[in-house]
């Protein structure tokens, strides 16, 4: 059970990181240009 809970936390953190990157990409492009 604990292992599954850890996997869930990792999945959530990965989703948050991906969302952050998706949100940062447009701003980075705007700054670049």
N, C-alpha and C. Protein backbone atom coordinates (compact mmCIF):
# COMPACT_ATOMS: atom_id res chain seq x y z
N UNK A 1 0.86 -1.21 0.00
CA UNK A 1 0.00 0.00 0.00
C UNK A 1 0.89 1.26 0.00
N UNK A 2 1.92 1.22 0.86
CA UNK A 2 2.80 2.41 0.92
C UNK A 2 3.46 2.65 -0.44
N UNK A 3 3.91 1.55 -1.07
CA UNK A 3 4.57 1.71 -2.38
C UNK A 3 3.63 2.37 -3.38
N UNK A 4 2.36 1.91 -3.40
CA UNK A 4 1.40 2.50 -4.35
C UNK A 4 1.22 3.99 -4.04
N UNK A 5 1.18 4.33 -2.76
CA UNK A 5 1.02 5.74 -2.37
C UNK A 5 2.20 6.56 -2.90
N UNK A 6 3.39 5.96 -2.82
CA UNK A 6 4.58 6.67 -3.32
C UNK A 6 4.47 6.87 -4.82
N UNK A 7 4.06 5.82 -5.52
CA UNK A 7 3.92 5.93 -6.98
C UNK A 7 2.92 7.02 -7.31
N UNK A 8 1.85 7.09 -6.54
CA UNK A 8 0.83 8.13 -6.80
C UNK A 8 1.45 9.51 -6.63
N UNK A 9 2.23 9.69 -5.58
CA UNK A 9 2.87 11.00 -5.35
C UNK A 9 3.81 11.33 -6.50
N UNK A 10 4.56 10.34 -6.95
CA UNK A 10 5.51 10.58 -8.06
C UNK A 10 4.74 10.97 -9.30
N UNK A 11 3.63 10.26 -9.58
CA UNK A 11 2.83 10.57 -10.77
C UNK A 11 2.29 12.00 -10.66
N UNK A 12 1.81 12.37 -9.48
CA UNK A 12 1.26 13.72 -9.30
C UNK A 12 2.35 14.77 -9.51
N UNK A 13 3.53 14.52 -8.94
CA UNK A 13 4.62 15.50 -9.09
C UNK A 13 5.03 15.61 -10.55
N UNK A 14 5.06 14.47 -11.25
CA UNK A 14 5.43 14.50 -12.68
C UNK A 14 4.41 15.32 -13.45
N UNK A 15 3.12 15.11 -13.14
CA UNK A 15 2.06 15.86 -13.85
C UNK A 15 2.23 17.35 -13.59
N UNK A 16 2.56 17.71 -12.35
CA UNK A 16 2.74 19.12 -12.00
C UNK A 16 3.93 19.70 -12.78
N UNK A 17 5.02 18.94 -12.85
CA UNK A 17 6.22 19.41 -13.57
C UNK A 17 5.89 19.62 -15.05
N UNK A 18 5.17 18.65 -15.63
CA UNK A 18 4.80 18.76 -17.05
C UNK A 18 3.93 19.99 -17.26
N UNK A 19 2.98 20.21 -16.35
CA UNK A 19 2.09 21.37 -16.46
C UNK A 19 2.93 22.65 -16.36
N UNK A 20 3.87 22.69 -15.43
CA UNK A 20 4.73 23.86 -15.28
C UNK A 20 5.50 24.11 -16.58
N UNK A 21 6.10 23.06 -17.14
CA UNK A 21 6.87 23.20 -18.37
C UNK A 21 5.97 23.71 -19.49
N UNK A 22 4.75 23.18 -19.58
CA UNK A 22 3.83 23.59 -20.65
C UNK A 22 3.49 25.08 -20.47
N UNK A 23 3.37 25.51 -19.21
CA UNK A 23 3.04 26.92 -18.95
C UNK A 23 4.26 27.81 -19.20
N UNK A 24 5.45 27.28 -18.96
CA UNK A 24 6.66 28.09 -19.11
C UNK A 24 7.09 28.20 -20.57
N UNK A 25 6.81 27.18 -21.37
CA UNK A 25 7.25 27.19 -22.77
C UNK A 25 6.78 28.46 -23.51
N UNK A 26 5.49 28.80 -23.47
CA UNK A 26 5.02 30.01 -24.18
C UNK A 26 5.75 31.26 -23.69
N UNK A 27 5.91 31.40 -22.39
CA UNK A 27 6.58 32.60 -21.85
C UNK A 27 8.04 32.62 -22.32
N UNK A 28 8.68 31.45 -22.35
CA UNK A 28 10.08 31.40 -22.81
C UNK A 28 10.16 31.84 -24.26
N UNK A 29 9.20 31.39 -25.09
CA UNK A 29 9.22 31.76 -26.50
C UNK A 29 9.04 33.27 -26.63
N UNK A 30 8.15 33.84 -25.81
CA UNK A 30 7.90 35.29 -25.88
C UNK A 30 9.18 36.03 -25.48
N UNK A 31 9.84 35.56 -24.42
CA UNK A 31 11.07 36.22 -23.97
C UNK A 31 12.15 36.08 -25.04
N UNK A 32 12.22 34.89 -25.68
CA UNK A 32 13.24 34.66 -26.70
C UNK A 32 13.07 35.62 -27.87
N UNK A 33 11.83 35.87 -28.25
CA UNK A 33 11.57 36.75 -29.41
C UNK A 33 11.28 38.16 -28.91
